Amino acid sequence: MKAEKDERVDPGTMSAAIGETMGEVLGVAALGADEDFFARGGDSLRALEMVSRLGSHPAVPLARSSEAQSRLVESVFVDGTPAGLATVLTEFENH
């Protein structure tokens, strides 16, 4: 599902918002673009919480659909970095 044109968000902005949300879930400072969620103390339950929070984050409109959230859950275990998840959402938008 593609986002509406007015919902397009710069991948860098998405990455920062994802890093901020990851930090909130983990109780630490925002993660940098290349910091791994699991290396900073994340686990599968926190990953689900993080994806759920992203679904309502205004800077990450692409994460609102259930299909995008499913893709994020799968992807966080492959590349659990804010930049990696922003890439997944950007690719999702473009397909």
C-alpha atoms as a PDB file:
ATOM      1  CA  MET A   1       0.000   0.000   0.000  1.00  0.00           C
ATOM      2  CA  LYS A   2       1.407   3.366  -0.970  1.00  0.00           C
ATOM      3  CA  ALA A   3       1.182   6.389   1.265  1.00  0.00           C
ATOM      4  CA  GLU A   4      -0.629   9.431  -0.018  1.00  0.00           C
ATOM      5  CA  LYS A   5       1.710  11.971  -1.607  1.00  0.00           C
ATOM      6  CA  ASP A   6       1.294  14.405   1.286  1.00  0.00           C
ATOM      7  CA  GLU A   7       2.303  11.627   3.714  1.00  0.00           C
ATOM      8  CA  ARG A   8       5.723  11.021   2.154  1.00  0.00           C
ATOM      9  CA  VAL A   9       8.413  11.365   4.759  1.00  0.00           C
ATOM     10  CA  ASP A  10      12.148  11.703   4.282  1.00  0.00           C
ATOM     11  CA  PRO A  11      13.913   8.437   5.261  1.00  0.00           C
ATOM     12  CA  GLY A  12      16.251  10.414   7.542  1.00  0.00           C
ATOM     13  CA  THR A  13      13.268  11.865   9.390  1.00  0.00           C
ATOM     14  CA  MET A  14      11.736   8.400   9.671  1.00  0.00           C
ATOM     15  CA  SER A  15      15.018   6.982  10.937  1.00  0.00           C
ATOM     16  CA  ALA A  16      15.224   9.653  13.642  1.00  0.00           C
ATOM     17  CA  ALA A  17      11.610   9.024  14.700  1.00  0.00           C
ATOM     18  CA  ILE A  18      12.216   5.274  14.782  1.00  0.00           C
ATOM     19  CA  GLY A  19      15.366   5.775  16.859  1.00  0.00           C
ATOM     20  CA  GLU A  20      13.455   8.017  19.254  1.00  0.00           C
ATOM     21  CA  THR A  21      10.687   5.437  19.628  1.00  0.00           C
ATOM     22  CA  MET A  22      13.198   2.636  20.148  1.00  0.00           C
ATOM     23  CA  GLY A  23      14.852   4.660  22.896  1.00  0.00           C
ATOM     24  CA  GLU A  24      11.516   5.335  24.586  1.00  0.00           C
ATOM     25  CA  VAL A  25      10.632   1.634  24.588  1.00  0.00           C
ATOM     26  CA  LEU A  26      14.059   0.698  25.944  1.00  0.00           C
ATOM     27  CA  GLY A  27      14.210   3.524  28.479  1.00  0.00           C
ATOM     28  CA  VAL A  28      17.402   4.928  26.963  1.00  0.00           C
ATOM     29  CA  ALA A  29      18.347   7.900  24.787  1.00  0.00           C
ATOM     30  CA  ALA A  30      17.230   7.813  21.166  1.00  0.00           C
ATOM     31  CA  LEU A  31      19.131   5.256  19.124  1.00  0.00           C
ATOM     32  CA  GLY A  32      21.371   6.500  16.334  1.00  0.00           C
ATOM     33  CA  ALA A  33      20.601   5.498  12.764  1.00  0.00           C
ATOM     34  CA  ASP A  34      22.940   2.495  12.868  1.00  0.00           C
ATOM     35  CA  GLU A  35      22.444   1.370  16.470  1.00  0.00           C
ATOM     36  CA  ASP A  36      20.866  -2.059  16.851  1.00  0.00           C
ATOM     37  CA  PHE A  37      17.691  -2.343  18.907  1.00  0.00           C
ATOM     38  CA  PHE A  38      18.661  -5.722  20.353  1.00  0.00           C
ATOM     39  CA  ALA A  39      22.233  -4.698  21.164  1.00  0.00           C
ATOM     40  CA  ARG A  40      20.779  -1.882  23.280  1.00  0.00           C
ATOM     41  CA  GLY A  41      18.656  -4.303  25.330  1.00  0.00           C
ATOM     42  CA  GLY A  42      15.639  -4.936  23.134  1.00  0.00           C
ATOM     43  CA  ASP A  43      13.776  -8.225  23.045  1.00  0.00           C
ATOM     44  CA  SER A  44      10.846  -9.619  21.075  1.00  0.00           C
ATOM     45  CA  LEU A  45       8.165  -8.136  23.346  1.00  0.00           C
ATOM     46  CA  ARG A  46       9.748  -4.711  23.248  1.00  0.00           C
ATOM     47  CA  ALA A  47      10.061  -5.022  19.465  1.00  0.00           C
ATOM     48  CA  LEU A  48       6.303  -5.552  19.229  1.00  0.00           C
ATOM     49  CA  GLU A  49       5.687  -2.573  21.510  1.00  0.00           C
ATOM     50  CA  MET A  50       8.016  -0.429  19.408  1.00  0.00           C
ATOM     51  CA  VAL A  51       6.258  -1.374  16.152  1.00  0.00           C
ATOM     52  CA  SER A  52       2.889  -0.673  17.768  1.00  0.00           C
ATOM     53  CA  ARG A  53       4.041   2.785  18.865  1.00  0.00           C
ATOM     54  CA  LEU A  54       5.398   3.526  15.396  1.00  0.00           C
ATOM     55  CA  GLY A  55       1.902   2.913  14.028  1.00  0.00           C
ATOM     56  CA  SER A  56       0.723   6.106  15.702  1.00  0.00           C
ATOM     57  CA  HIS A  57       3.872   8.214  15.322  1.00  0.00           C
ATOM     58  CA  PRO A  58       3.166  11.284  13.151  1.00  0.00           C
ATOM     59  CA  ALA A  59       6.625  11.186  11.543  1.00  0.00           C
ATOM     60  CA  VAL A  60       6.176   7.572  10.415  1.00  0.00           C
ATOM     61  CA  PRO A  61       2.844   7.521   8.534  1.00  0.00           C
ATOM     62  CA  LEU A  62       3.891   4.513   6.486  1.00  0.00           C
ATOM     63  CA  ALA A  63       3.812   2.326   9.628  1.00  0.00           C
ATOM     64  CA  ARG A  64       0.055   2.738  10.091  1.00  0.00           C
ATOM     65  CA  SER A  65      -1.094  -0.181   7.953  1.00  0.00           C
ATOM     66  CA  SER A  66      -1.190  -3.690   9.374  1.00  0.00           C
ATOM     67  CA  GLU A  67       0.797  -4.935   6.375  1.00  0.00           C
ATOM     68  CA  ALA A  68       3.580  -2.423   7.043  1.00  0.00           C
ATOM     69  CA  GLN A  69       3.589  -3.311  10.733  1.00  0.00           C
ATOM     70  CA  SER A  70       3.914  -7.012   9.881  1.00  0.00           C
ATOM     71  CA  ARG A  71       6.833  -6.209   7.622  1.00  0.00           C
ATOM     72  CA  LEU A  72       8.479  -4.172  10.406  1.00  0.00           C
ATOM     73  CA  VAL A  73       8.096  -7.006  12.916  1.00  0.00           C
ATOM     74  CA  GLU A  74       9.828  -9.389  10.511  1.00  0.00           C
ATOM     75  CA  SER A  75      12.497  -6.858   9.591  1.00  0.00           C
ATOM     76  CA  VAL A  76      13.504  -5.794  13.096  1.00  0.00           C
ATOM     77  CA  PHE A  77      15.017  -9.259  13.585  1.00  0.00           C
ATOM     78  CA  VAL A  78      17.053  -8.945  10.373  1.00  0.00           C
ATOM     79  CA  ASP A  79      18.215  -5.328  10.693  1.00  0.00           C
ATOM     80  CA  GLY A  80      17.101  -3.819  13.966  1.00  0.00           C
ATOM     81  CA  THR A  81      18.490  -0.356  13.307  1.00  0.00           C
ATOM     82  CA  PRO A  82      16.447   2.799  12.765  1.00  0.00           C
ATOM     83  CA  ALA A  83      18.021   3.220   9.322  1.00  0.00           C
ATOM     84  CA  GLY A  84      17.230  -0.385   8.420  1.00  0.00           C
ATOM     85  CA  LEU A  85      13.579  -0.058   9.384  1.00  0.00           C
ATOM     86  CA  ALA A  86      13.282   3.288   7.584  1.00  0.00           C
ATOM     87  CA  THR A  87      14.610   1.556   4.463  1.00  0.00           C
ATOM     88  CA  VAL A  88      12.022  -1.209   4.839  1.00  0.00           C
ATOM     89  CA  LEU A  89       9.232   1.361   5.053  1.00  0.00           C
ATOM     90  CA  THR A  90      10.572   3.320   2.082  1.00  0.00           C
ATOM     91  CA  GLU A  91      10.748   0.140  -0.007  1.00  0.00           C
ATOM     92  CA  PHE A  92       7.251  -0.794   1.160  1.00  0.00           C
ATOM     93  CA  GLU A  93       5.969   2.605   0.034  1.00  0.00           C
ATOM     94  CA  ASN A  94       7.576   2.213  -3.394  1.00  0.00           C
ATOM     95  CA  HIS A  95       6.057  -1.195  -4.143  1.00  0.00           C
END
